[in-house]
Amino acid sequence: MSAASRSGLLTLCLCTVTSLARSQEPSPPDLAARVDRIFTRFDNTTPGCGVGLGKDGRTLYTHGYGMANLEYRVPNTDSTVFESGSVAKQFTASALVLLAQDGKLSLDDDIRKYLPEVPSFGGQRITIRNLLTHTSGLRDQWGLLGIEGRGPGSQVHSPMTTLDLVAHQKMLNFPPGSEYLYSNTGYALAGLIVQRVSGKTLDAFTQERLFRPLGMTHTQWRDDFTEVVPNRATAYSGTAASGFHTDMPFTNMIGNGGILSTMADLMRWNENLDHPTVGGQSYVEAMQTRMRLTSGRTISYALGLIVNDYRGIREVSHSGSTAGYQTYLARFPDQHVSVAVWCNYTGANPGVLAHEVADLVLTRSSANVAQASAMKVEVPKSEVARWAGTYRDPHTDQTLTFVATESDLSTVRGGSRGNLAWATLARDRFSSPQGEAVFNGAPGHRSFILIRADADTAHFAEVPLAPKSIPVNDYLGTYTSDELDARFVITAHEGTLVLNRRPYENIELVPVYPDDFQAGEGLGTLRFARDSKGRVTGFSFYAGRVLDVRFKRATP
């Protein structure tokens, strides 16, 4: 860069900072103290968070809580650098919107125009917009890598790892545009498209077109995890009682995550989305336009942003999580309020904290004091208990087992999470944070519709419980996949099925319903297939955002 260019860049950054400083007026009385009280559990013995709060274009407060590094006793401050997790997706989407404004691409282009390595999947067209709205049908990279035993922490990944995974896939989760299912794969590929179209790295392009023009001098992509980053917080998991452990993202994967930033920079970013100096109003409108599925249903996801309501007030937001970092970034455009809470601790729950902070400055009319909520009703215990049982979504292989409590239903959850309570709304209708379940049918043929918060629906049907005695010998053998670099051997140990995965990993298969097994703690489920003679021929692996990865039985 020439001396003149450096001088011009310095002048631009100084002007941006000076303008921001001049616009800062005294905060509302006691605001800092009220924000501080929200974060009192983070102190000099724990990891913590950074917070940023803005209103009407003014940064009202930025501060740090807890420790950025427990070993060296370094506190979090208002200049601490945290990592974004999936909040980064809006930065990748922004880069593609700018390239579309430049006429270099269209968001409705087939991605194979830029990524010819992607299979045709039988002639199904996947657009850039599908990538950015999680409607591509592409299986999530972390689920696929988890099946292979190559998940985060096991090796260093990059966007090319994702492209290689996609190049070997034979099927999609669903036809592009027909459904929404969150997929990190799409944003890793989106970052590669930015690179191939612009001829620059994702970091170089966004520095030039976004970060430097906005004065975001402490923001960058973590495309080399070994790079020294001044003021970066170390991420932690664990608890004070059990002990904290470093939990850093040792990866070069970016596009779907990987932004490093500070609270002050994030306030500048959000202000540009409220009153754009970069990109203009058309850029903001593109970013905030929610996706419409081929069914005609509009979902809450836009381009790297979720557009919905918070207690009656329009909110544009996204959360993030990577290793020990947990993040939340939100705007309430109708009241010109902006809030960021980024933490270096897995147990922080930044979404809850961010809303508590926002509540200090948001105002509500009598028409939107609270979200409408159904009243819990009293229903005879026998009417509640009639819905107890195990139900399966045949599309995702997700199962929910309902048990009757004294007055409500609850679903059984694994590990230390305990059961999830479902409040009774009617004789056949129950509510929980997962959504509302509406039941129907008679024993043996019961089902329910799960209506999620974003109005999406899933259909669950009753399945019989797994038999007490499993025909172990039916399943023994070696299984391989044409789509993944994985070879599984299923053996038996004391009447229990065990999945053997290299290197020397043995995973217990726990029966869920006939021919369906849970693979360990949260890895996924195996649904076995049989031929006309009842012989097991293979299985389909389901792992959350990964559906129906098929394995063939190579040897009995």
Protein backbone atom coordinates (compact mmCIF):
# COMPACT_ATOMS: atom_id res chain seq x y z
CA MET A 1 0.00 0.00 0.00
CA SER A 2 1.35 3.45 -0.93
CA ALA A 3 1.97 6.21 1.61
CA ALA A 4 -0.92 8.21 0.13
CA SER A 5 -3.25 5.22 0.45
CA ARG A 6 -2.19 4.67 4.05
CA SER A 7 -2.78 8.34 4.79
CA GLY A 8 -6.24 8.22 3.24
CA LEU A 9 -7.12 5.06 5.14
CA LEU A 10 -5.92 6.61 8.41
CA THR A 11 -7.99 9.73 7.76
CA LEU A 12 -11.08 7.57 7.06
CA CYS A 13 -10.65 5.55 10.26
CA LEU A 14 -9.98 8.69 12.36
CA CYS A 15 -13.06 10.38 10.92
CA THR A 16 -15.20 7.35 11.71
CA VAL A 17 -13.91 7.15 15.27
CA THR A 18 -14.21 10.94 15.79
CA SER A 19 -17.78 10.91 14.47
CA LEU A 20 -18.71 8.09 16.83
CA ALA A 21 -17.09 9.82 19.78
CA ARG A 22 -18.89 13.11 19.08
CA SER A 23 -22.24 11.30 18.89
CA GLN A 24 -21.82 9.73 22.33
CA GLU A 25 -23.93 11.55 24.86
CA PRO A 26 -24.27 10.80 28.57
CA SER A 27 -25.92 7.44 29.16
CA PRO A 28 -29.26 7.19 30.98
CA PRO A 29 -28.85 7.44 34.79
CA ASP A 30 -27.41 4.33 36.44
CA LEU A 31 -27.34 2.42 33.13
CA ALA A 32 -23.76 1.19 33.63
CA ALA A 33 -24.52 -0.04 37.14
CA ARG A 34 -27.68 -1.79 35.95
CA VAL A 35 -25.79 -3.55 33.16
CA ASP A 36 -23.02 -4.51 35.58
CA ARG A 37 -25.54 -6.20 37.89
CA ILE A 38 -26.59 -8.52 35.05
CA PHE A 39 -23.02 -9.87 34.84
CA THR A 40 -22.18 -10.15 38.56
CA ARG A 41 -21.61 -13.91 38.38
CA PHE A 42 -18.51 -13.34 36.24
CA ASP A 43 -15.57 -12.29 38.40
CA ASN A 44 -11.79 -12.67 38.75
CA THR A 45 -12.16 -16.44 39.24
CA THR A 46 -14.23 -17.20 36.12
CA PRO A 47 -14.22 -16.62 32.37
CA GLY A 48 -16.79 -14.05 31.29
CA CYS A 49 -18.19 -11.80 28.59
CA GLY A 50 -17.94 -8.54 26.76
CA VAL A 51 -21.05 -6.40 26.32
CA GLY A 52 -21.91 -3.58 23.96
CA LEU A 53 -25.11 -1.53 24.04
CA GLY A 54 -26.16 1.20 21.63
CA LYS A 55 -29.21 3.33 20.92
CA ASP A 56 -30.01 5.97 18.31
CA GLY A 57 -26.55 5.64 16.79
CA ARG A 58 -24.76 6.19 20.12
CA THR A 59 -22.70 3.59 21.94
CA LEU A 60 -24.14 3.76 25.45
CA TYR A 61 -21.84 1.24 27.13
CA THR A 62 -19.09 -1.28 26.40
CA HIS A 63 -17.50 -3.32 29.16
CA GLY A 64 -15.82 -6.62 29.99
CA TYR A 65 -16.56 -9.07 32.81
CA GLY A 66 -14.66 -12.05 34.15
CA MET A 67 -11.26 -13.13 32.94
CA ALA A 68 -9.85 -13.26 29.41
CA ASN A 69 -7.16 -15.65 30.63
CA LEU A 70 -7.34 -17.54 33.90
CA GLU A 71 -3.73 -18.73 33.88
CA TYR A 72 -2.22 -15.26 33.61
CA ARG A 73 -5.04 -13.46 35.48
CA VAL A 74 -5.89 -11.18 32.54
CA PRO A 75 -9.37 -9.61 32.80
CA ASN A 76 -11.87 -9.09 29.99
CA THR A 77 -12.13 -5.40 29.10
CA ASP A 78 -14.00 -3.28 26.58
CA SER A 79 -11.15 -3.93 24.11
CA THR A 80 -11.00 -7.73 24.48
CA VAL A 81 -11.26 -9.71 21.23
CA PHE A 82 -13.77 -12.58 21.21
CA GLU A 83 -14.62 -15.13 18.52
CA SER A 84 -18.02 -15.10 16.83
CA GLY A 85 -19.19 -18.62 16.12
CA SER A 86 -22.13 -18.46 13.72
CA VAL A 87 -22.67 -14.72 14.17
CA ALA A 88 -20.02 -14.61 11.41
CA LYS A 89 -22.55 -15.80 8.84
CA GLN A 90 -23.92 -12.27 8.33
CA PHE A 91 -20.41 -11.07 7.38
CA THR A 92 -20.10 -13.76 4.70
CA ALA A 93 -23.60 -12.98 3.41
CA SER A 94 -22.72 -9.26 3.31
CA ALA A 95 -19.71 -9.96 1.10
CA LEU A 96 -21.88 -11.82 -1.39
CA VAL A 97 -24.52 -9.08 -1.41
CA LEU A 98 -21.79 -6.53 -2.22
CA LEU A 99 -20.51 -8.73 -5.05
CA ALA A 100 -24.08 -8.96 -6.36
CA GLN A 101 -24.30 -5.14 -6.25
CA ASP A 102 -21.05 -5.04 -8.23
CA GLY A 103 -22.65 -7.20 -10.91
CA LYS A 104 -20.08 -9.96 -10.33
CA LEU A 105 -22.73 -12.57 -9.46
CA SER A 106 -26.40 -13.07 -8.65
CA LEU A 107 -27.64 -14.59 -5.43
CA ASP A 108 -29.86 -16.79 -7.60
CA ASP A 109 -26.93 -18.21 -9.58
CA ASP A 110 -26.36 -21.97 -9.46
CA ILE A 111 -23.41 -22.49 -7.13
CA ARG A 112 -21.81 -24.86 -9.63
CA LYS A 113 -20.99 -21.83 -11.75
CA TYR A 114 -18.35 -21.04 -9.13
CA LEU A 115 -17.93 -24.43 -7.46
CA PRO A 116 -17.93 -27.04 -10.26
CA GLU A 117 -16.80 -29.65 -7.72
CA VAL A 118 -20.33 -29.81 -6.27
CA PRO A 119 -22.27 -32.82 -7.65
CA SER A 120 -25.49 -32.32 -9.63
CA PHE A 121 -27.53 -34.52 -7.27
CA GLY A 122 -29.70 -35.64 -10.18
CA GLY A 123 -29.95 -32.21 -11.73
CA GLN A 124 -31.12 -30.35 -8.63
CA ARG A 125 -30.25 -26.65 -8.76
CA ILE A 126 -28.68 -25.12 -5.65
CA THR A 127 -28.41 -21.33 -5.59
CA ILE A 128 -26.21 -19.01 -3.56
CA ARG A 129 -29.39 -17.83 -1.83
CA ASN A 130 -30.07 -21.44 -0.81
CA LEU A 131 -26.63 -21.57 0.81
CA LEU A 132 -27.25 -18.34 2.73
CA THR A 133 -30.71 -19.33 4.00
CA HIS A 134 -29.97 -22.96 4.96
CA THR A 135 -32.35 -24.25 2.30
CA SER A 136 -29.76 -25.96 0.06
CA GLY A 137 -30.36 -29.47 1.37
CA LEU A 138 -26.61 -29.93 1.77
CA ARG A 139 -25.76 -32.00 4.83
CA ASP A 140 -24.02 -30.20 7.66
CA GLN A 141 -20.24 -30.58 7.58
CA TRP A 142 -19.85 -31.07 11.33
CA GLY A 143 -22.35 -33.91 11.36
CA LEU A 144 -20.60 -35.64 8.47
CA LEU A 145 -17.16 -35.19 10.02
CA GLY A 146 -18.53 -36.42 13.33
CA ILE A 147 -19.71 -39.67 11.73
CA GLU A 148 -16.24 -40.15 10.28
CA GLY A 149 -14.65 -39.45 13.66
CA ARG A 150 -13.00 -36.27 12.36
CA GLY A 151 -14.99 -33.65 14.24
CA PRO A 152 -13.74 -30.37 15.75
CA GLY A 153 -10.63 -30.83 17.87
CA SER A 154 -9.55 -34.02 16.12
CA GLN A 155 -7.80 -32.28 13.22
CA VAL A 156 -7.46 -28.88 11.55
CA HIS A 157 -10.26 -28.14 9.07
CA SER A 158 -10.63 -25.50 6.37
CA PRO A 159 -13.33 -24.62 3.81
CA MET A 160 -11.60 -26.96 1.37
CA THR A 161 -12.34 -29.79 3.83
CA THR A 162 -16.02 -28.92 3.40
CA LEU A 163 -15.80 -28.77 -0.38
CA ASP A 164 -14.15 -32.20 -0.44
CA LEU A 165 -16.94 -33.61 1.75
CA VAL A 166 -19.62 -32.18 -0.54
CA ALA A 167 -17.86 -33.48 -3.66
CA HIS A 168 -18.32 -37.05 -2.41
CA GLN A 169 -21.99 -36.78 -1.43
CA LYS A 170 -24.62 -38.69 -3.42
CA MET A 171 -27.78 -37.30 -1.79
CA LEU A 172 -29.20 -34.13 -0.28
CA ASN A 173 -31.21 -33.84 2.91
CA PHE A 174 -34.12 -32.52 0.80
CA PRO A 175 -34.75 -30.80 -2.56
CA PRO A 176 -33.23 -27.29 -2.57
CA GLY A 177 -35.63 -24.60 -1.40
CA SER A 178 -38.24 -27.02 -0.06
CA GLU A 179 -37.16 -27.03 3.59
CA TYR A 180 -35.04 -25.19 6.13
CA LEU A 181 -32.35 -27.11 8.01
CA TYR A 182 -29.40 -25.21 9.44
CA SER A 183 -26.19 -26.21 7.66
CA ASN A 184 -22.69 -24.85 8.24
CA THR A 185 -21.72 -26.43 4.92
CA GLY A 186 -23.51 -23.70 2.97
CA TYR A 187 -21.56 -20.86 4.54
CA ALA A 188 -18.18 -22.56 4.16
CA LEU A 189 -18.97 -22.87 0.44
CA ALA A 190 -20.26 -19.27 0.35
CA GLY A 191 -16.89 -18.04 1.63
CA LEU A 192 -15.15 -19.97 -1.15
CA ILE A 193 -17.43 -18.31 -3.71
CA VAL A 194 -16.39 -14.88 -2.40
CA GLN A 195 -12.76 -15.89 -2.84
CA ARG A 196 -13.17 -17.28 -6.35
CA VAL A 197 -15.26 -14.38 -7.65
CA SER A 198 -13.27 -11.54 -6.07
CA GLY A 199 -9.84 -13.10 -6.52
CA LYS A 200 -9.10 -12.24 -2.86
CA THR A 201 -9.27 -14.13 0.40
CA LEU A 202 -12.44 -13.70 2.40
CA ASP A 203 -10.49 -11.66 4.94
CA ALA A 204 -8.89 -9.41 2.32
CA PHE A 205 -12.23 -8.74 0.60
CA THR A 206 -14.13 -7.95 3.79
CA GLN A 207 -11.30 -5.80 5.15
CA GLU A 208 -11.35 -3.74 1.97
CA ARG A 209 -15.13 -3.46 1.48
CA LEU A 210 -16.55 -3.70 5.00
CA PHE A 211 -14.27 -3.51 8.02
CA ARG A 212 -11.92 -0.64 7.11
CA PRO A 213 -14.67 1.61 5.68
CA LEU A 214 -16.66 1.10 8.90
CA GLY A 215 -13.68 1.72 11.17
CA MET A 216 -13.74 -1.86 12.48
CA THR A 217 -9.99 -1.88 13.12
CA HIS A 218 -10.02 -4.88 15.48
CA THR A 219 -12.06 -7.26 13.31
CA GLN A 220 -10.63 -10.07 11.17
CA TRP A 221 -11.26 -13.64 10.09
CA ARG A 222 -9.50 -16.36 12.05
CA ASP A 223 -8.19 -18.12 8.93
CA ASP A 224 -4.97 -19.18 10.67
CA PHE A 225 -5.59 -20.38 14.21
CA THR A 226 -1.85 -20.16 15.01
CA GLU A 227 -1.73 -16.39 14.40
CA VAL A 228 -1.03 -14.21 17.43
CA VAL A 229 -4.02 -11.91 18.03
CA PRO A 230 -3.46 -9.14 20.60
CA ASN A 231 -6.07 -8.93 23.37
CA ARG A 232 -7.80 -12.18 22.34
CA ALA A 233 -9.70 -13.94 25.14
CA THR A 234 -9.00 -17.62 25.76
CA ALA A 235 -12.16 -19.74 25.66
CA TYR A 236 -13.12 -22.11 28.48
CA SER A 237 -15.52 -24.90 29.35
CA GLY A 238 -16.16 -26.55 32.72
CA THR A 239 -17.36 -25.01 35.97
CA ALA A 240 -15.85 -23.38 39.03
CA ALA A 241 -16.75 -26.49 41.03
CA SER A 242 -15.31 -29.06 38.61
CA GLY A 243 -12.53 -26.84 37.25
CA PHE A 244 -12.23 -24.80 34.06
CA HIS A 245 -10.51 -26.13 30.93
CA THR A 246 -9.28 -24.26 27.87
CA ASP A 247 -11.59 -24.92 24.92
CA MET A 248 -10.22 -23.17 21.84
CA PRO A 249 -11.27 -23.61 18.19
CA PHE A 250 -8.15 -25.12 16.63
CA THR A 251 -9.39 -24.80 13.06
CA ASN A 252 -8.96 -22.70 9.94
CA MET A 253 -12.63 -23.10 9.00
CA ILE A 254 -14.18 -19.72 8.18
CA GLY A 255 -17.26 -18.39 6.40
CA ASN A 256 -19.66 -20.21 8.70
CA GLY A 257 -17.78 -18.91 11.76
CA GLY A 258 -14.39 -17.47 12.61
CA ILE A 259 -14.81 -13.71 13.00
CA LEU A 260 -12.68 -12.07 15.71
CA SER A 261 -14.01 -8.73 16.96
CA THR A 262 -14.57 -6.33 19.84
CA MET A 263 -17.71 -4.80 21.29
CA ALA A 264 -16.96 -1.35 19.85
CA ASP A 265 -16.48 -2.79 16.36
CA LEU A 266 -19.75 -4.72 16.63
CA MET A 267 -21.62 -1.53 17.51
CA ARG A 268 -20.25 0.01 14.31
CA TRP A 269 -21.34 -3.06 12.34
CA ASN A 270 -24.88 -2.95 13.68
CA GLU A 271 -25.15 0.80 13.10
CA ASN A 272 -24.36 0.28 9.42
CA LEU A 273 -27.27 -2.15 9.21
CA ASP A 274 -29.55 0.46 10.77
CA HIS A 275 -28.22 3.44 8.80
CA PRO A 276 -25.97 2.10 6.03
CA THR A 277 -22.96 4.03 4.85
CA VAL A 278 -21.62 0.86 3.20
CA GLY A 279 -23.91 -1.00 0.82
CA GLY A 280 -26.86 1.37 1.01
CA GLN A 281 -30.46 0.60 1.85
CA SER A 282 -30.71 -2.07 -0.86
CA TYR A 283 -27.94 -4.00 0.92
CA VAL A 284 -29.84 -3.91 4.23
CA GLU A 285 -33.10 -4.93 2.56
CA ALA A 286 -31.38 -7.88 0.89
CA MET A 287 -29.83 -8.97 4.19
CA GLN A 288 -33.14 -8.81 6.08
CA THR A 289 -35.46 -10.38 3.49
CA ARG A 290 -36.68 -13.67 4.92
CA MET A 291 -36.54 -16.75 2.70
CA ARG A 292 -39.67 -18.08 1.02
CA LEU A 293 -39.76 -21.86 0.55
CA THR A 294 -41.11 -23.57 -2.57
CA SER A 295 -44.21 -24.42 -0.52
CA GLY A 296 -44.91 -20.70 -0.16
CA ARG A 297 -44.08 -20.59 3.54
CA THR A 298 -41.80 -17.74 4.66
CA ILE A 299 -39.23 -18.68 7.30
CA SER A 300 -37.60 -16.42 9.88
CA TYR A 301 -34.10 -16.86 8.41
CA ALA A 302 -32.86 -14.18 6.01
CA LEU A 303 -29.20 -13.82 4.90
CA GLY A 304 -27.15 -14.73 7.96
CA LEU A 305 -29.78 -13.01 10.11
CA ILE A 306 -32.91 -14.18 11.91
CA VAL A 307 -35.84 -11.76 11.71
CA ASN A 308 -38.56 -12.27 14.29
CA ASP A 309 -40.12 -10.71 17.40
CA TYR A 310 -38.88 -10.40 20.96
CA ARG A 311 -41.82 -9.85 23.28
CA GLY A 312 -43.67 -7.93 20.61
CA ILE A 313 -40.69 -5.93 19.28
CA ARG A 314 -39.06 -6.70 15.93
CA GLU A 315 -35.61 -8.23 16.42
CA VAL A 316 -32.86 -8.98 13.88
CA SER A 317 -30.27 -11.24 15.45
CA HIS A 318 -28.02 -14.29 15.35
CA SER A 319 -26.37 -16.45 17.96
CA GLY A 320 -23.06 -18.26 17.77
CA SER A 321 -21.04 -21.00 19.40
CA THR A 322 -17.60 -22.40 18.68
CA ALA A 323 -15.53 -24.38 21.19
CA GLY A 324 -15.82 -22.35 24.41
CA TYR A 325 -16.99 -19.10 22.79
CA GLN A 326 -20.72 -18.26 23.04
CA THR A 327 -22.12 -15.15 21.33
CA TYR A 328 -25.24 -13.14 20.55
CA LEU A 329 -25.61 -10.04 18.36
CA ALA A 330 -28.97 -8.29 17.93
CA ARG A 331 -30.70 -5.16 16.69
CA PHE A 332 -34.17 -3.83 17.39
CA PRO A 333 -34.49 -1.58 14.32
CA ASP A 334 -37.82 0.02 15.17
CA GLN A 335 -36.27 1.46 18.35
CA HIS A 336 -32.72 1.78 16.97
CA VAL A 337 -31.30 -0.38 19.78
CA SER A 338 -28.23 -2.57 19.35
CA VAL A 339 -26.74 -5.12 21.74
CA ALA A 340 -23.81 -7.54 21.65
CA VAL A 341 -22.85 -10.11 24.26
CA TRP A 342 -19.85 -12.26 23.36
CA CYS A 343 -18.40 -14.63 25.95
CA ASN A 344 -15.39 -16.88 26.40
CA TYR A 345 -17.29 -19.45 28.47
CA THR A 346 -19.59 -22.30 27.41
CA GLY A 347 -21.93 -21.75 30.36
CA ALA A 348 -22.58 -18.06 29.75
CA ASN A 349 -25.91 -18.14 27.81
CA PRO A 350 -25.34 -14.82 25.97
CA GLY A 351 -28.80 -14.77 24.39
CA VAL A 352 -30.47 -14.48 27.78
CA LEU A 353 -27.91 -11.90 28.93
CA ALA A 354 -28.30 -9.83 25.77
CA HIS A 355 -32.07 -9.63 26.17
CA GLU A 356 -31.70 -8.61 29.81
CA VAL A 357 -29.39 -5.79 28.69
CA ALA A 358 -31.69 -4.74 25.86
CA ASP A 359 -34.65 -4.64 28.24
CA LEU A 360 -32.93 -1.76 30.06
CA VAL A 361 -33.47 0.57 27.09
CA LEU A 362 -36.33 -0.95 25.08
CA THR A 363 -39.77 0.58 25.51
CA ARG A 364 -43.09 -1.20 25.08
CA SER A 365 -46.57 0.08 24.48
CA SER A 366 -49.60 -1.48 26.13
CA ALA A 367 -50.14 -3.43 22.91
CA ASN A 368 -46.84 -5.30 23.16
CA VAL A 369 -46.03 -5.52 26.87
CA ALA A 370 -45.55 -9.26 26.50
CA GLN A 371 -45.86 -11.96 23.90
CA ALA A 372 -49.18 -13.68 23.70
CA SER A 373 -49.02 -16.94 25.61
CA ALA A 374 -51.54 -19.67 26.11
CA MET A 375 -52.89 -20.22 29.62
CA LYS A 376 -52.15 -23.49 31.30
CA VAL A 377 -55.31 -25.45 32.03
CA GLU A 378 -56.21 -28.23 34.43
CA VAL A 379 -56.83 -31.58 32.72
CA PRO A 380 -57.48 -34.95 34.42
CA LYS A 381 -54.28 -36.92 34.87
CA SER A 382 -55.70 -39.84 32.86
CA GLU A 383 -56.22 -37.54 29.87
CA VAL A 384 -52.60 -36.39 30.04
CA ALA A 385 -51.18 -39.88 30.57
CA ARG A 386 -52.87 -41.27 27.46
CA TRP A 387 -50.22 -39.58 25.29
CA ALA A 388 -47.20 -41.12 27.08
CA GLY A 389 -45.05 -43.12 24.67
CA THR A 390 -42.27 -42.95 22.09
CA TYR A 391 -42.79 -41.07 18.83
CA ARG A 392 -40.59 -40.71 15.76
CA ASP A 393 -40.23 -38.16 12.98
CA PRO A 394 -39.63 -40.50 10.00
CA HIS A 395 -37.92 -37.71 8.04
CA THR A 396 -35.19 -36.96 10.59
CA ASP A 397 -35.35 -40.13 12.75
CA GLN A 398 -35.67 -37.87 15.82
CA THR A 399 -37.52 -39.61 18.62
CA LEU A 400 -39.30 -38.08 21.60
CA THR A 401 -40.33 -40.20 24.56
CA PHE A 402 -43.11 -38.64 26.63
CA VAL A 403 -43.73 -39.67 30.22
CA ALA A 404 -46.63 -38.55 32.38
CA THR A 405 -45.97 -36.47 35.48
CA GLU A 406 -48.46 -35.48 38.16
CA SER A 407 -50.23 -32.98 35.90
CA ASP A 408 -48.19 -32.57 32.68
CA LEU A 409 -46.00 -34.44 30.23
CA SER A 410 -42.24 -34.40 30.02
CA THR A 411 -39.76 -35.70 27.49
CA VAL A 412 -36.73 -37.73 28.49
CA ARG A 413 -33.40 -36.15 27.61
CA GLY A 414 -29.99 -37.74 27.84
CA GLY A 415 -26.94 -36.86 29.91
CA SER A 416 -27.17 -34.26 32.66
CA ARG A 417 -29.86 -32.13 30.99
CA GLY A 418 -32.75 -33.78 32.82
CA ASN A 419 -36.31 -33.98 31.50
CA LEU A 420 -38.09 -31.24 29.57
CA ALA A 421 -41.51 -30.24 30.93
CA TRP A 422 -44.49 -29.79 28.59
CA ALA A 423 -47.24 -27.60 30.07
CA THR A 424 -50.82 -28.71 29.45
CA LEU A 425 -52.76 -26.30 27.23
CA ALA A 426 -55.66 -28.63 26.44
CA ARG A 427 -56.49 -32.35 26.57
CA ASP A 428 -54.46 -32.92 23.43
CA ARG A 429 -52.16 -29.88 23.34
CA PHE A 430 -48.92 -29.26 25.25
CA SER A 431 -46.23 -26.56 25.18
CA SER A 432 -42.48 -26.40 25.84
CA PRO A 433 -39.49 -24.37 24.59
CA GLN A 434 -39.36 -26.81 21.66
CA GLY A 435 -42.82 -25.69 20.52
CA GLU A 436 -46.38 -26.95 20.81
CA ALA A 437 -47.38 -30.61 20.39
CA VAL A 438 -50.91 -31.40 19.18
CA PHE A 439 -51.80 -35.07 19.66
CA ASN A 440 -54.40 -37.32 18.07
CA GLY A 441 -55.19 -41.01 17.54
CA ALA A 442 -55.70 -44.09 19.67
CA PRO A 443 -53.07 -46.27 21.43
CA GLY A 444 -50.90 -48.03 18.86
CA HIS A 445 -51.74 -45.41 16.23
CA ARG A 446 -51.04 -42.15 18.05
CA SER A 447 -49.25 -39.19 16.50
CA PHE A 448 -48.64 -35.51 17.05
CA ILE A 449 -47.71 -32.39 15.11
CA LEU A 450 -44.86 -30.34 16.59
CA ILE A 451 -45.37 -26.63 15.85
CA ARG A 452 -42.07 -24.85 16.41
CA ALA A 453 -41.57 -21.20 17.36
CA ASP A 454 -40.89 -20.22 13.74
CA ALA A 455 -44.20 -21.90 12.70
CA ASP A 456 -42.34 -24.82 11.09
CA THR A 457 -43.99 -28.17 11.68
CA ALA A 458 -42.83 -31.75 12.11
CA HIS A 459 -44.98 -34.87 12.16
CA PHE A 460 -44.28 -37.61 14.71
CA ALA A 461 -45.87 -41.08 14.74
CA GLU A 462 -45.93 -43.61 17.57
CA VAL A 463 -43.36 -46.40 17.38
CA PRO A 464 -43.23 -49.57 19.47
CA LEU A 465 -40.61 -49.80 22.17
CA ALA A 466 -37.44 -51.72 21.39
CA PRO A 467 -37.77 -55.39 22.30
CA LYS A 468 -36.15 -56.50 25.53
CA SER A 469 -34.18 -59.14 23.64
CA ILE A 470 -32.27 -57.83 20.62
CA PRO A 471 -31.51 -60.26 17.75
CA VAL A 472 -27.83 -59.37 18.03
CA ASN A 473 -26.60 -61.69 15.26
CA ASP A 474 -28.83 -59.96 12.69
CA TYR A 475 -26.65 -56.85 12.78
CA LEU A 476 -23.07 -58.15 13.05
CA GLY A 477 -20.74 -57.30 10.19
CA THR A 478 -18.82 -54.62 8.32
CA TYR A 479 -20.54 -51.58 6.83
CA THR A 480 -19.19 -49.03 4.32
CA SER A 481 -20.42 -45.84 2.68
CA ASP A 482 -19.96 -44.45 -0.83
CA GLU A 483 -20.22 -40.91 0.57
CA LEU A 484 -17.93 -40.88 3.60
CA ASP A 485 -14.45 -42.06 4.43
CA ALA A 486 -15.79 -44.37 7.12
CA ARG A 487 -15.85 -48.11 7.70
CA PHE A 488 -17.77 -49.47 10.66
CA VAL A 489 -17.66 -52.94 12.18
CA ILE A 490 -20.56 -53.94 14.40
CA THR A 491 -19.75 -56.56 17.03
CA ALA A 492 -21.43 -57.84 20.16
CA HIS A 493 -20.36 -57.69 23.79
CA GLU A 494 -22.42 -59.40 26.48
CA GLY A 495 -25.61 -59.11 24.45
CA THR A 496 -25.02 -55.46 23.53
CA LEU A 497 -24.22 -54.18 20.04
CA VAL A 498 -21.01 -52.20 19.68
CA LEU A 499 -19.99 -50.02 16.73
CA ASN A 500 -16.22 -50.16 16.15
CA ARG A 501 -14.69 -47.08 14.53
CA ARG A 502 -11.05 -46.34 13.87
CA PRO A 503 -8.86 -45.67 15.70
CA TYR A 504 -9.83 -48.17 18.41
CA GLU A 505 -13.12 -46.52 19.31
CA ASN A 506 -16.01 -48.64 20.54
CA ILE A 507 -19.47 -47.03 20.66
CA GLU A 508 -22.38 -48.76 22.35
CA LEU A 509 -25.58 -48.98 20.29
CA VAL A 510 -28.63 -48.43 22.49
CA PRO A 511 -31.95 -49.69 21.07
CA VAL A 512 -34.61 -47.00 20.56
CA TYR A 513 -37.30 -48.88 18.63
CA PRO A 514 -37.12 -52.06 16.45
CA ASP A 515 -34.11 -51.86 14.10
CA ASP A 516 -33.16 -48.38 15.34
CA PHE A 517 -30.26 -47.60 17.69
CA GLN A 518 -28.71 -44.54 19.33
CA ALA A 519 -24.95 -44.39 18.76
CA GLY A 520 -23.35 -43.25 21.99
CA GLU A 521 -23.95 -39.82 23.53
CA GLY A 522 -25.36 -37.59 20.82
CA LEU A 523 -23.50 -39.02 17.80
CA GLY A 524 -26.71 -39.93 15.99
CA THR A 525 -28.98 -42.85 15.24
CA LEU A 526 -28.66 -45.90 13.00
CA ARG A 527 -31.84 -47.09 11.28
CA PHE A 528 -31.25 -50.57 9.85
CA ALA A 529 -32.84 -51.80 6.60
CA ARG A 530 -33.88 -55.36 5.78
CA ASP A 531 -34.57 -57.15 2.50
CA SER A 532 -37.70 -59.14 1.62
CA LYS A 533 -36.33 -62.14 3.54
CA GLY A 534 -35.72 -60.11 6.69
CA ARG A 535 -31.95 -59.97 6.34
CA VAL A 536 -30.18 -56.75 7.39
CA THR A 537 -28.65 -55.13 4.30
CA GLY A 538 -27.38 -51.84 5.74
CA PHE A 539 -28.34 -48.82 7.77
CA SER A 540 -29.01 -45.09 7.42
CA PHE A 541 -27.12 -42.74 9.72
CA TYR A 542 -29.01 -39.72 11.07
CA ALA A 543 -27.06 -37.06 12.96
CA GLY A 544 -29.16 -33.96 13.57
CA ARG A 545 -28.49 -31.81 10.50
CA VAL A 546 -27.36 -34.87 8.55
CA LEU A 547 -30.12 -37.13 7.20
CA ASP A 548 -30.04 -40.60 5.71
CA VAL A 549 -26.34 -41.25 5.05
CA ARG A 550 -26.46 -44.82 3.82
CA PHE A 551 -24.08 -47.61 4.72
CA LYS A 552 -24.09 -50.98 2.95
CA ARG A 553 -23.41 -54.23 4.71
CA ALA A 554 -20.20 -55.51 3.15
CA THR A 555 -19.75 -58.71 5.16
CA PRO A 556 -22.08 -60.48 7.58
